Amino acid sequence: MAPATPGAPVASNGVAIAGFAFSPSTLTVSKGTTVTWVNEDRAPHTVTGAGGLNSPVLRGGDSYSFTFHSAGTFSYGCDIHSFMHGTVVVK
């Protein structure tokens, strides 16, 4: 996947990483959906958490995609910035 352009709109099944926050902080998707996180900050971030979420370090413009194959609530955060948290709810 090509790097995203900073400030580009994030798809409905996507999460923007901007201003040291995940937006939206909670995303609800259907089972089988691929969610893509796009780092719109200049600072590096990660997407790490429940259910196998484990991105590499994402530099500005980098993206990470993960397909949710089972229903549940998946919490995640940034390993670099412990105050950053998000949730994906899979129905």
N, C-alpha and C. Protein backbone atom coordinates (compact mmCIF):
# COMPACT_ATOMS: atom_id res chain seq x y z
N MET A 1 0.84 -1.17 0.00
CA MET A 1 0.00 0.00 0.00
C MET A 1 0.89 1.23 0.00
N ALA A 2 0.57 2.20 -0.82
CA ALA A 2 1.36 3.42 -0.89
C ALA A 2 1.12 4.28 0.35
N PRO A 3 2.13 5.03 0.77
CA PRO A 3 1.93 5.90 1.92
C PRO A 3 0.82 6.90 1.64
N ALA A 4 0.10 7.24 2.69
CA ALA A 4 -0.99 8.21 2.56
C ALA A 4 -0.42 9.62 2.52
N THR A 5 -1.16 10.51 1.91
CA THR A 5 -0.79 11.91 1.91
C THR A 5 -1.29 12.51 3.21
N PRO A 6 -0.43 13.18 3.99
CA PRO A 6 -0.92 13.79 5.22
C PRO A 6 -2.11 14.69 4.95
N GLY A 7 -3.12 14.58 5.79
CA GLY A 7 -4.32 15.37 5.62
C GLY A 7 -5.34 14.75 4.68
N ALA A 8 -4.99 13.63 4.05
CA ALA A 8 -5.93 12.96 3.15
C ALA A 8 -7.07 12.36 3.96
N PRO A 9 -8.29 12.34 3.42
CA PRO A 9 -9.39 11.74 4.17
C PRO A 9 -9.15 10.26 4.41
N VAL A 10 -9.56 9.79 5.57
CA VAL A 10 -9.42 8.39 5.93
C VAL A 10 -10.72 7.69 5.55
N ALA A 11 -10.61 6.48 4.98
CA ALA A 11 -11.79 5.72 4.58
C ALA A 11 -12.68 5.42 5.78
N SER A 12 -13.93 5.04 5.52
CA SER A 12 -14.88 4.77 6.60
C SER A 12 -14.44 3.61 7.47
N ASN A 13 -13.59 2.74 6.97
CA ASN A 13 -13.06 1.64 7.77
C ASN A 13 -11.62 1.95 8.16
N GLY A 14 -11.32 3.24 8.31
CA GLY A 14 -9.97 3.66 8.65
C GLY A 14 -9.93 4.49 9.91
N VAL A 15 -8.72 4.58 10.47
CA VAL A 15 -8.46 5.37 11.65
C VAL A 15 -7.29 6.29 11.35
N ALA A 16 -7.49 7.58 11.56
CA ALA A 16 -6.41 8.55 11.41
C ALA A 16 -5.63 8.63 12.71
N ILE A 17 -4.33 8.71 12.60
CA ILE A 17 -3.48 8.99 13.75
C ILE A 17 -3.02 10.43 13.55
N ALA A 18 -3.60 11.33 14.32
CA ALA A 18 -3.33 12.75 14.13
C ALA A 18 -3.44 13.48 15.46
N GLY A 19 -2.54 14.41 15.70
CA GLY A 19 -2.57 15.16 16.93
C GLY A 19 -2.38 14.27 18.15
N PHE A 20 -1.57 13.22 18.00
CA PHE A 20 -1.30 12.26 19.07
C PHE A 20 -2.58 11.63 19.60
N ALA A 21 -3.48 11.28 18.67
CA ALA A 21 -4.74 10.60 19.02
C ALA A 21 -5.18 9.74 17.85
N PHE A 22 -5.97 8.70 18.16
CA PHE A 22 -6.60 7.87 17.15
C PHE A 22 -7.99 8.43 16.89
N SER A 23 -8.33 8.64 15.61
CA SER A 23 -9.63 9.23 15.29
C SER A 23 -10.28 8.45 14.15
N PRO A 24 -11.45 7.84 14.40
CA PRO A 24 -12.20 7.89 15.65
C PRO A 24 -11.53 7.02 16.73
N SER A 25 -11.80 7.36 17.99
CA SER A 25 -11.21 6.59 19.07
C SER A 25 -11.88 5.22 19.20
N THR A 26 -13.14 5.12 18.77
CA THR A 26 -13.84 3.84 18.71
C THR A 26 -14.43 3.68 17.32
N LEU A 27 -14.13 2.57 16.69
CA LEU A 27 -14.62 2.26 15.34
C LEU A 27 -15.38 0.96 15.41
N THR A 28 -16.59 0.92 14.84
CA THR A 28 -17.40 -0.30 14.81
C THR A 28 -17.45 -0.80 13.37
N VAL A 29 -17.08 -2.08 13.19
CA VAL A 29 -17.04 -2.69 11.85
C VAL A 29 -17.66 -4.07 11.91
N SER A 30 -17.90 -4.64 10.75
CA SER A 30 -18.40 -6.01 10.64
C SER A 30 -17.23 -6.99 10.60
N LYS A 31 -17.49 -8.21 11.05
CA LYS A 31 -16.49 -9.28 10.99
C LYS A 31 -16.01 -9.42 9.55
N GLY A 32 -14.70 -9.58 9.36
CA GLY A 32 -14.11 -9.70 8.03
C GLY A 32 -13.63 -8.39 7.45
N THR A 33 -13.85 -7.28 8.16
CA THR A 33 -13.45 -5.96 7.68
C THR A 33 -11.96 -5.73 7.91
N THR A 34 -11.31 -5.12 6.92
CA THR A 34 -9.93 -4.69 7.07
C THR A 34 -9.94 -3.22 7.47
N VAL A 35 -9.31 -2.92 8.58
CA VAL A 35 -9.19 -1.55 9.09
C VAL A 35 -7.78 -1.06 8.79
N THR A 36 -7.67 0.18 8.33
CA THR A 36 -6.38 0.77 8.02
C THR A 36 -6.15 2.00 8.88
N TRP A 37 -5.01 2.03 9.57
CA TRP A 37 -4.59 3.18 10.35
C TRP A 37 -3.59 3.96 9.51
N VAL A 38 -3.73 5.29 9.46
CA VAL A 38 -2.83 6.14 8.69
C VAL A 38 -2.22 7.17 9.65
N ASN A 39 -0.89 7.19 9.71
CA ASN A 39 -0.21 8.16 10.57
C ASN A 39 -0.11 9.50 9.85
N GLU A 40 -0.89 10.47 10.31
CA GLU A 40 -0.88 11.80 9.73
C GLU A 40 0.02 12.75 10.53
N ASP A 41 0.61 12.26 11.62
CA ASP A 41 1.55 13.05 12.41
C ASP A 41 2.95 12.93 11.83
N ARG A 42 3.82 13.83 12.23
CA ARG A 42 5.24 13.70 11.88
C ARG A 42 5.93 12.75 12.85
N ALA A 43 5.39 12.63 14.06
CA ALA A 43 5.96 11.74 15.08
C ALA A 43 5.64 10.29 14.74
N PRO A 44 6.52 9.36 15.12
CA PRO A 44 6.25 7.95 14.90
C PRO A 44 5.22 7.42 15.90
N HIS A 45 4.44 6.43 15.48
CA HIS A 45 3.44 5.80 16.34
C HIS A 45 3.39 4.31 16.01
N THR A 46 2.72 3.54 16.90
CA THR A 46 2.43 2.14 16.63
C THR A 46 0.95 1.88 16.87
N VAL A 47 0.48 0.74 16.39
CA VAL A 47 -0.86 0.24 16.69
C VAL A 47 -0.63 -1.15 17.27
N THR A 48 -0.81 -1.26 18.59
CA THR A 48 -0.48 -2.49 19.28
C THR A 48 -1.58 -2.82 20.28
N GLY A 49 -2.07 -4.06 20.24
CA GLY A 49 -3.10 -4.42 21.21
C GLY A 49 -3.66 -5.79 21.03
N ALA A 50 -4.89 -5.93 21.51
CA ALA A 50 -5.59 -7.20 21.57
C ALA A 50 -5.84 -7.77 20.18
N GLY A 51 -5.93 -9.09 20.12
CA GLY A 51 -6.33 -9.77 18.89
C GLY A 51 -5.28 -9.84 17.81
N GLY A 52 -4.03 -9.53 18.14
CA GLY A 52 -2.97 -9.63 17.14
C GLY A 52 -2.54 -8.32 16.51
N LEU A 53 -3.11 -7.21 16.96
CA LEU A 53 -2.69 -5.91 16.43
C LEU A 53 -1.25 -5.66 16.82
N ASN A 54 -0.38 -5.48 15.83
CA ASN A 54 1.03 -5.30 16.12
C ASN A 54 1.72 -4.68 14.92
N SER A 55 1.57 -3.38 14.76
CA SER A 55 2.18 -2.71 13.62
C SER A 55 3.66 -2.48 13.87
N PRO A 56 4.39 -2.27 12.79
CA PRO A 56 5.75 -1.75 12.96
C PRO A 56 5.63 -0.28 13.36
N VAL A 57 6.75 0.37 13.61
CA VAL A 57 6.72 1.82 13.87
C VAL A 57 6.27 2.50 12.59
N LEU A 58 5.22 3.31 12.71
CA LEU A 58 4.67 4.03 11.56
C LEU A 58 5.20 5.46 11.57
N ARG A 59 5.95 5.81 10.57
CA ARG A 59 6.44 7.18 10.41
C ARG A 59 5.34 8.00 9.73
N GLY A 60 5.49 9.30 9.67
CA GLY A 60 4.50 10.16 9.02
C GLY A 60 4.18 9.67 7.62
N GLY A 61 2.89 9.49 7.34
CA GLY A 61 2.44 9.03 6.02
C GLY A 61 2.34 7.52 5.88
N ASP A 62 2.90 6.77 6.84
CA ASP A 62 2.81 5.30 6.79
C ASP A 62 1.43 4.83 7.20
N SER A 63 1.09 3.62 6.77
CA SER A 63 -0.20 3.02 7.15
C SER A 63 0.00 1.57 7.57
N TYR A 64 -0.99 1.06 8.29
CA TYR A 64 -1.00 -0.32 8.76
C TYR A 64 -2.42 -0.84 8.62
N SER A 65 -2.59 -2.02 8.05
CA SER A 65 -3.91 -2.62 7.88
C SER A 65 -3.99 -3.94 8.62
N PHE A 66 -5.18 -4.23 9.15
CA PHE A 66 -5.42 -5.47 9.89
C PHE A 66 -6.85 -5.91 9.62
N THR A 67 -7.03 -7.20 9.32
CA THR A 67 -8.36 -7.75 9.07
C THR A 67 -8.86 -8.44 10.34
N PHE A 68 -10.06 -8.05 10.77
CA PHE A 68 -10.68 -8.62 11.97
C PHE A 68 -11.57 -9.78 11.55
N HIS A 69 -11.17 -11.01 11.92
CA HIS A 69 -11.88 -12.21 11.52
C HIS A 69 -12.87 -12.71 12.57
N SER A 70 -12.84 -12.13 13.76
CA SER A 70 -13.76 -12.58 14.81
C SER A 70 -14.39 -11.37 15.49
N ALA A 71 -15.61 -11.60 15.99
CA ALA A 71 -16.34 -10.55 16.69
C ALA A 71 -15.71 -10.31 18.06
N GLY A 72 -15.87 -9.10 18.55
CA GLY A 72 -15.38 -8.76 19.88
C GLY A 72 -14.98 -7.30 19.95
N THR A 73 -14.45 -6.92 21.09
CA THR A 73 -13.97 -5.57 21.31
C THR A 73 -12.45 -5.64 21.45
N PHE A 74 -11.75 -4.91 20.60
CA PHE A 74 -10.30 -4.97 20.53
C PHE A 74 -9.72 -3.61 20.91
N SER A 75 -9.07 -3.56 22.05
CA SER A 75 -8.42 -2.33 22.52
C SER A 75 -6.99 -2.29 22.00
N TYR A 76 -6.51 -1.09 21.72
CA TYR A 76 -5.14 -0.95 21.24
C TYR A 76 -4.59 0.40 21.69
N GLY A 77 -3.30 0.55 21.51
CA GLY A 77 -2.64 1.80 21.86
C GLY A 77 -1.37 1.96 21.07
N CYS A 78 -0.65 3.01 21.41
CA CYS A 78 0.65 3.30 20.80
C CYS A 78 1.73 2.96 21.82
N ASP A 79 2.66 2.09 21.45
CA ASP A 79 3.74 1.71 22.36
C ASP A 79 4.66 2.89 22.70
N ILE A 80 4.75 3.84 21.80
CA ILE A 80 5.64 4.98 22.00
C ILE A 80 5.00 6.04 22.90
N HIS A 81 3.69 6.21 22.76
CA HIS A 81 2.95 7.24 23.51
C HIS A 81 1.84 6.54 24.27
N SER A 82 2.09 6.19 25.52
CA SER A 82 1.18 5.34 26.30
C SER A 82 -0.18 5.99 26.58
N PHE A 83 -0.33 7.27 26.36
CA PHE A 83 -1.61 7.94 26.58
C PHE A 83 -2.56 7.80 25.39
N MET A 84 -2.08 7.25 24.29
CA MET A 84 -2.91 7.09 23.09
C MET A 84 -3.60 5.74 23.12
N HIS A 85 -4.95 5.75 23.04
CA HIS A 85 -5.73 4.51 23.10
C HIS A 85 -6.86 4.56 22.08
N GLY A 86 -7.26 3.39 21.61
CA GLY A 86 -8.40 3.27 20.71
C GLY A 86 -9.05 1.91 20.86
N THR A 87 -10.21 1.77 20.23
CA THR A 87 -10.97 0.51 20.31
C THR A 87 -11.61 0.24 18.96
N VAL A 88 -11.57 -1.04 18.55
CA VAL A 88 -12.33 -1.48 17.39
C VAL A 88 -13.35 -2.49 17.91
N VAL A 89 -14.62 -2.23 17.63
CA VAL A 89 -15.71 -3.14 17.98
C VAL A 89 -16.11 -3.88 16.72
N VAL A 90 -16.02 -5.20 16.76
CA VAL A 90 -16.32 -6.02 15.58
C VAL A 90 -17.59 -6.80 15.87
N LYS A 91 -18.60 -6.63 15.00
CA LYS A 91 -19.90 -7.29 15.17
C LYS A 91 -20.05 -8.42 14.18
